[in-house]
């Protein structure tokens, strides 16, 4: 609870209710064990159920690649990709680190004692951390937490030295001057952080996105798939969602159906290559 997927599901619950997009209540249920493995297994066991959908992140691909949980995402039913989330390198605002060069120097000076907080190993944050390690020839101690909210709180509390949180997970602390953004992993600057340079601007070709999508079990009835797809289409067009994406540094790129399934499979292949370069994955 408190991570990006949880907050998004609860926001959507609120919008669905306010906009009367469903004649039955939508109830978010957290299943956070095993870097998404518990949720994926749960969805597999709900084959043919018209009343269950799942919020997904990039762990949708990475967890089945890293661990044999008996899940093939090709079996699931794509519903809607609502947005692409961004990543930012963060430090505590009390830190002396002001620039990327400062950050790299501090990590090297730590002699391997630098603590990078993130969500579970093999999930998005650890992949971005591995990209940083490879690019700058450094080594950090990766400290996994249960969700992005925990990561941000621990960085504020000084229990870790940096994070690569999504902006939405760190925004409240940033606005309270508790966290400092160093660089963004986006092709262009994030509108909500106009003074934060991209890794590309600083001479490093490091870009990474996290998809925020919804999928359904295998063999969901076509009329149910049509209902959920239409529901998210209307939600996507709502003023509240459009405002939220702008404020929280999300790229609202709506995608459904076969195009979404093709996107999932393409991203699975990319993440498979990335995991193998880290010595993980099948």
Protein backbone atom coordinates (compact mmCIF):
# COMPACT_ATOMS: atom_id res chain seq x y z
CA UNK A 1 0.00 0.00 0.00
CA UNK A 2 1.25 3.48 -0.88
CA UNK A 3 3.11 2.38 -4.02
CA UNK A 4 2.31 3.64 -7.51
CA UNK A 5 -0.04 0.80 -8.53
CA UNK A 6 -1.96 1.01 -5.25
CA UNK A 7 -2.44 4.78 -5.47
CA UNK A 8 -3.47 4.53 -9.11
CA UNK A 9 -6.06 1.82 -8.39
CA UNK A 10 -7.55 3.91 -5.59
CA UNK A 11 -7.60 7.05 -7.74
CA UNK A 12 -9.39 5.09 -10.46
CA UNK A 13 -11.84 3.71 -7.93
CA UNK A 14 -12.70 7.31 -7.01
CA UNK A 15 -13.04 8.50 -10.62
CA UNK A 16 -15.13 5.46 -11.62
CA UNK A 17 -17.50 6.21 -8.75
CA UNK A 18 -17.72 9.97 -9.38
CA UNK A 19 -18.20 9.56 -13.13
CA UNK A 20 -20.66 6.63 -12.75
CA UNK A 21 -18.53 4.44 -15.02
CA UNK A 22 -19.63 1.21 -13.31
CA UNK A 23 -22.99 0.23 -11.82
CA UNK A 24 -21.17 -1.95 -9.25
CA UNK A 25 -18.44 -0.79 -6.86
CA UNK A 26 -14.79 -1.40 -7.75
CA UNK A 27 -12.69 -2.59 -4.81
CA UNK A 28 -8.86 -2.36 -4.87
CA UNK A 29 -7.20 -5.36 -3.18
CA UNK A 30 -3.43 -5.40 -2.53
CA UNK A 31 -1.54 -8.60 -3.37
CA UNK A 32 2.05 -7.52 -3.08
CA UNK A 33 4.04 -10.68 -2.38
CA UNK A 34 6.96 -11.88 -4.50
CA UNK A 35 7.41 -8.81 -6.71
CA UNK A 36 3.94 -9.29 -8.19
CA UNK A 37 4.09 -13.10 -8.22
CA UNK A 38 1.17 -13.42 -5.81
CA UNK A 39 -1.00 -11.13 -7.95
CA UNK A 40 -0.04 -12.92 -11.17
CA UNK A 41 -0.85 -16.34 -9.71
CA UNK A 42 -4.13 -14.97 -8.37
CA UNK A 43 -5.08 -13.70 -11.83
CA UNK A 44 -4.15 -17.05 -13.40
CA UNK A 45 -6.42 -18.84 -10.93
CA UNK A 46 -9.29 -16.50 -11.90
CA UNK A 47 -9.48 -17.77 -15.50
CA UNK A 48 -12.93 -17.07 -16.94
CA UNK A 49 -13.87 -14.66 -14.13
CA UNK A 50 -15.55 -11.50 -15.47
CA UNK A 51 -15.20 -9.60 -12.19
CA UNK A 52 -11.42 -9.36 -11.68
CA UNK A 53 -8.90 -7.04 -13.32
CA UNK A 54 -5.29 -6.37 -12.30
CA UNK A 55 -3.18 -3.22 -12.25
CA UNK A 56 0.22 -4.00 -13.80
CA UNK A 57 3.71 -2.52 -13.80
CA UNK A 58 6.84 -3.76 -15.56
CA UNK A 59 7.01 -6.62 -13.05
CA UNK A 60 4.26 -8.05 -15.28
CA UNK A 61 7.15 -9.15 -17.53
CA UNK A 62 10.11 -9.37 -15.19
CA UNK A 63 8.68 -11.57 -12.42
CA UNK A 64 7.71 -14.48 -14.72
CA UNK A 65 11.13 -14.15 -16.41
CA UNK A 66 13.02 -14.24 -13.11
CA UNK A 67 10.99 -16.90 -11.29
CA UNK A 68 9.17 -19.99 -12.50
CA UNK A 69 5.69 -19.18 -11.19
CA UNK A 70 3.83 -21.04 -13.94
CA UNK A 71 2.52 -17.85 -15.54
CA UNK A 72 2.62 -16.89 -19.22
CA UNK A 73 1.36 -13.33 -19.73
CA UNK A 74 0.25 -14.22 -23.26
CA UNK A 75 -2.64 -16.10 -21.61
CA UNK A 76 -4.04 -12.98 -19.96
CA UNK A 77 -6.51 -10.58 -21.56
CA UNK A 78 -5.18 -7.06 -22.26
CA UNK A 79 -7.59 -4.28 -21.25
CA UNK A 80 -5.92 -0.86 -21.26
CA UNK A 81 -2.57 0.87 -20.91
CA UNK A 82 -3.34 4.12 -19.15
CA UNK A 83 0.08 5.74 -18.91
CA UNK A 84 3.85 5.47 -18.95
CA UNK A 85 5.50 6.46 -15.68
CA UNK A 86 8.88 8.12 -15.43
CA UNK A 87 11.92 7.66 -13.19
CA UNK A 88 14.09 10.22 -11.41
CA UNK A 89 17.32 9.85 -9.42
CA UNK A 90 16.67 11.27 -5.94
CA UNK A 91 18.78 12.14 -2.91
CA UNK A 92 17.86 13.56 0.48
CA UNK A 93 17.54 17.36 0.32
CA UNK A 94 19.99 17.65 3.24
CA UNK A 95 22.67 15.97 1.11
CA UNK A 96 25.57 17.94 -0.36
CA UNK A 97 24.85 16.28 -3.72
CA UNK A 98 23.59 18.83 -6.25
CA UNK A 99 24.56 17.32 -9.61
CA UNK A 100 25.00 13.94 -11.29
CA UNK A 101 28.79 14.35 -11.08
CA UNK A 102 28.43 14.93 -7.33
CA UNK A 103 26.34 11.77 -7.08
CA UNK A 104 28.80 9.56 -8.95
CA UNK A 105 31.71 10.93 -6.90
CA UNK A 106 29.84 10.27 -3.63
CA UNK A 107 28.99 6.68 -4.64
CA UNK A 108 32.61 5.99 -5.59
CA UNK A 109 33.86 7.56 -2.36
CA UNK A 110 31.55 5.33 -0.30
CA UNK A 111 33.67 2.28 -1.11
CA UNK A 112 30.66 0.09 -1.81
CA UNK A 113 28.67 1.29 1.19
CA UNK A 114 26.18 3.35 -0.80
CA UNK A 115 22.56 2.28 -0.21
CA UNK A 116 20.11 2.57 -3.10
CA UNK A 117 16.52 1.97 -2.04
CA UNK A 118 13.92 0.48 -4.35
CA UNK A 119 11.11 -2.00 -4.73
CA UNK A 120 11.78 -5.77 -4.96
CA UNK A 121 14.90 -7.10 -6.65
CA UNK A 122 14.29 -7.61 -10.37
CA UNK A 123 11.58 -4.98 -10.41
CA UNK A 124 11.81 -1.61 -12.14
CA UNK A 125 13.90 0.24 -9.56
CA UNK A 126 16.56 -2.47 -9.47
CA UNK A 127 16.77 -2.49 -13.29
CA UNK A 128 17.31 1.27 -13.35
CA UNK A 129 19.91 0.88 -10.57
CA UNK A 130 21.72 -1.77 -12.65
CA UNK A 131 21.72 0.64 -15.60
CA UNK A 132 23.38 3.28 -13.40
CA UNK A 133 25.97 0.82 -12.09
CA UNK A 134 26.90 -0.24 -15.62
CA UNK A 135 26.99 3.28 -17.03
CA UNK A 136 29.18 4.76 -14.29
CA UNK A 137 31.21 1.71 -13.27
CA UNK A 138 29.98 1.84 -9.68
CA UNK A 139 28.56 -0.67 -7.23
CA UNK A 140 25.82 0.05 -4.70
CA UNK A 141 24.00 -1.95 -2.05
CA UNK A 142 20.43 -2.35 -3.24
CA UNK A 143 17.92 -2.25 -0.39
CA UNK A 144 14.45 -3.55 -1.37
CA UNK A 145 11.24 -2.25 0.23
CA UNK A 146 7.63 -3.33 -0.14
CA UNK A 147 6.60 -0.33 -2.22
CA UNK A 148 7.55 3.07 -3.59
CA UNK A 149 5.99 4.89 -0.64
CA UNK A 150 8.29 3.04 1.76
CA UNK A 151 11.30 3.86 -0.42
CA UNK A 152 10.57 7.60 -0.36
CA UNK A 153 10.01 7.62 3.41
CA UNK A 154 13.28 5.78 4.04
CA UNK A 155 15.20 8.24 1.87
CA UNK A 156 13.71 11.14 3.81
CA UNK A 157 14.57 9.34 7.06
CA UNK A 158 18.21 8.87 6.02
CA UNK A 159 18.06 5.06 6.08
CA UNK A 160 19.15 4.92 2.42
CA UNK A 161 21.32 7.27 0.35
CA UNK A 162 19.37 7.55 -2.90
CA UNK A 163 16.44 6.18 -4.90
CA UNK A 164 15.07 6.13 -8.43
CA UNK A 165 11.44 6.60 -7.37
CA UNK A 166 8.68 7.49 -9.79
CA UNK A 167 7.93 11.21 -9.38
CA UNK A 168 4.42 10.50 -8.08
CA UNK A 169 5.86 8.46 -5.20
CA UNK A 170 8.28 11.21 -4.13
CA UNK A 171 6.32 14.34 -5.11
CA UNK A 172 4.92 15.14 -1.66
CA UNK A 173 8.37 14.96 -0.07
CA UNK A 174 9.86 17.00 -2.93
CA UNK A 175 7.23 19.71 -2.44
CA UNK A 176 8.06 19.70 1.29
CA UNK A 177 11.76 20.24 0.39
CA UNK A 178 12.73 16.84 1.81
CA UNK A 179 14.01 15.25 -1.43
CA UNK A 180 16.14 16.57 -4.29
CA UNK A 181 15.85 15.38 -7.92
CA UNK A 182 19.22 14.96 -9.65
CA UNK A 183 18.38 13.67 -13.14
CA UNK A 184 15.43 12.19 -15.07
CA UNK A 185 15.46 8.95 -17.09
CA UNK A 186 13.31 10.49 -19.85
CA UNK A 187 14.02 11.64 -23.42
CA UNK A 188 12.98 15.23 -22.58
CA UNK A 189 12.60 17.11 -19.31
CA UNK A 190 9.59 16.29 -17.17
CA UNK A 191 7.15 19.23 -17.13
CA UNK A 192 6.67 18.96 -13.35
CA UNK A 193 10.48 19.21 -12.88
CA UNK A 194 11.58 21.79 -15.46
CA UNK A 195 14.91 22.44 -13.72
CA UNK A 196 15.91 18.76 -13.53
CA UNK A 197 18.10 17.71 -16.49
CA UNK A 198 17.67 14.40 -18.30
CA UNK A 199 20.39 11.77 -18.29
CA UNK A 200 20.68 12.37 -22.03
CA UNK A 201 21.39 16.07 -21.53
CA UNK A 202 24.18 15.06 -19.18
CA UNK A 203 25.72 12.77 -21.80
CA UNK A 204 24.27 9.42 -20.72
CA UNK A 205 21.82 7.49 -22.90
CA UNK A 206 19.67 6.20 -20.04
CA UNK A 207 15.90 6.11 -20.65
CA UNK A 208 13.42 3.87 -18.87
CA UNK A 209 9.61 3.85 -18.66
CA UNK A 210 7.18 1.93 -16.49
CA UNK A 211 3.83 1.02 -17.97
CA UNK A 212 0.69 1.39 -15.90
CA UNK A 213 -1.90 -0.91 -17.40
CA UNK A 214 -4.83 -3.16 -16.59
CA UNK A 215 -5.23 -6.77 -17.65
CA UNK A 216 -7.86 -9.43 -17.08
CA UNK A 217 -7.82 -13.21 -16.64
CA UNK A 218 -7.71 -15.68 -19.50
CA UNK A 219 -11.07 -16.42 -21.16
CA UNK A 220 -12.89 -13.35 -19.88
CA UNK A 221 -16.18 -13.03 -21.79
CA UNK A 222 -15.93 -10.68 -24.81
CA UNK A 223 -18.76 -8.49 -23.50
CA UNK A 224 -16.90 -8.07 -20.19
CA UNK A 225 -13.69 -7.15 -22.02
CA UNK A 226 -15.67 -4.58 -24.02
CA UNK A 227 -17.18 -3.17 -20.81
CA UNK A 228 -13.83 -2.68 -19.05
CA UNK A 229 -12.17 -1.31 -22.18
CA UNK A 230 -14.96 1.24 -22.57
CA UNK A 231 -14.80 2.10 -18.86
CA UNK A 232 -11.08 2.90 -19.06
CA UNK A 233 -11.55 4.78 -22.32
CA UNK A 234 -14.03 7.09 -20.56
CA UNK A 235 -11.75 7.35 -17.55
CA UNK A 236 -8.84 8.29 -19.81
CA UNK A 237 -10.91 11.16 -21.23
CA UNK A 238 -11.89 12.49 -17.79
CA UNK A 239 -10.57 15.88 -16.73
CA UNK A 240 -9.44 14.50 -13.36
CA UNK A 241 -7.19 11.86 -14.97
CA UNK A 242 -5.75 14.30 -17.49
CA UNK A 243 -4.95 16.76 -14.69
CA UNK A 244 -3.45 14.00 -12.54
CA UNK A 245 -1.11 12.79 -15.28
CA UNK A 246 0.16 16.32 -15.89
CA UNK A 247 0.73 16.99 -12.19
CA UNK A 248 2.32 13.61 -11.41
CA UNK A 249 4.66 13.52 -14.42
CA UNK A 250 2.89 10.62 -16.16
CA UNK A 251 2.71 10.29 -19.95
CA UNK A 252 -0.93 9.45 -20.73
CA UNK A 253 -0.63 7.13 -23.74
CA UNK A 254 -3.82 5.07 -23.99
CA UNK A 255 -3.58 1.67 -25.69
CA UNK A 256 -5.96 -1.32 -25.87
CA UNK A 257 -6.60 -4.68 -27.55
CA UNK A 258 -4.15 -6.34 -29.92
CA UNK A 259 -1.89 -3.28 -29.96
CA UNK A 260 -1.53 -3.49 -26.20
CA UNK A 261 -0.77 -7.22 -26.31
CA UNK A 262 1.90 -6.58 -28.96
CA UNK A 263 3.39 -3.88 -26.71
CA UNK A 264 3.47 -6.28 -23.74
CA UNK A 265 5.29 -8.97 -25.72
CA UNK A 266 7.79 -6.49 -27.18
CA UNK A 267 8.55 -5.14 -23.70
CA UNK A 268 8.87 -8.68 -22.31
CA UNK A 269 11.57 -9.38 -24.91
CA UNK A 270 13.42 -6.15 -24.04
CA UNK A 271 13.28 -6.88 -20.33
CA UNK A 272 14.48 -10.44 -20.92
CA UNK A 273 17.60 -9.05 -22.56
CA UNK A 274 18.11 -6.53 -19.75
CA UNK A 275 17.72 -9.19 -17.05
CA UNK A 276 20.18 -11.51 -18.77
CA UNK A 277 22.74 -8.70 -18.85
CA UNK A 278 22.30 -8.55 -15.04
CA UNK A 279 22.76 -12.32 -14.75
CA UNK A 280 19.07 -12.90 -14.04
CA UNK A 281 16.15 -14.24 -15.99
CA UNK A 282 15.55 -17.29 -18.11
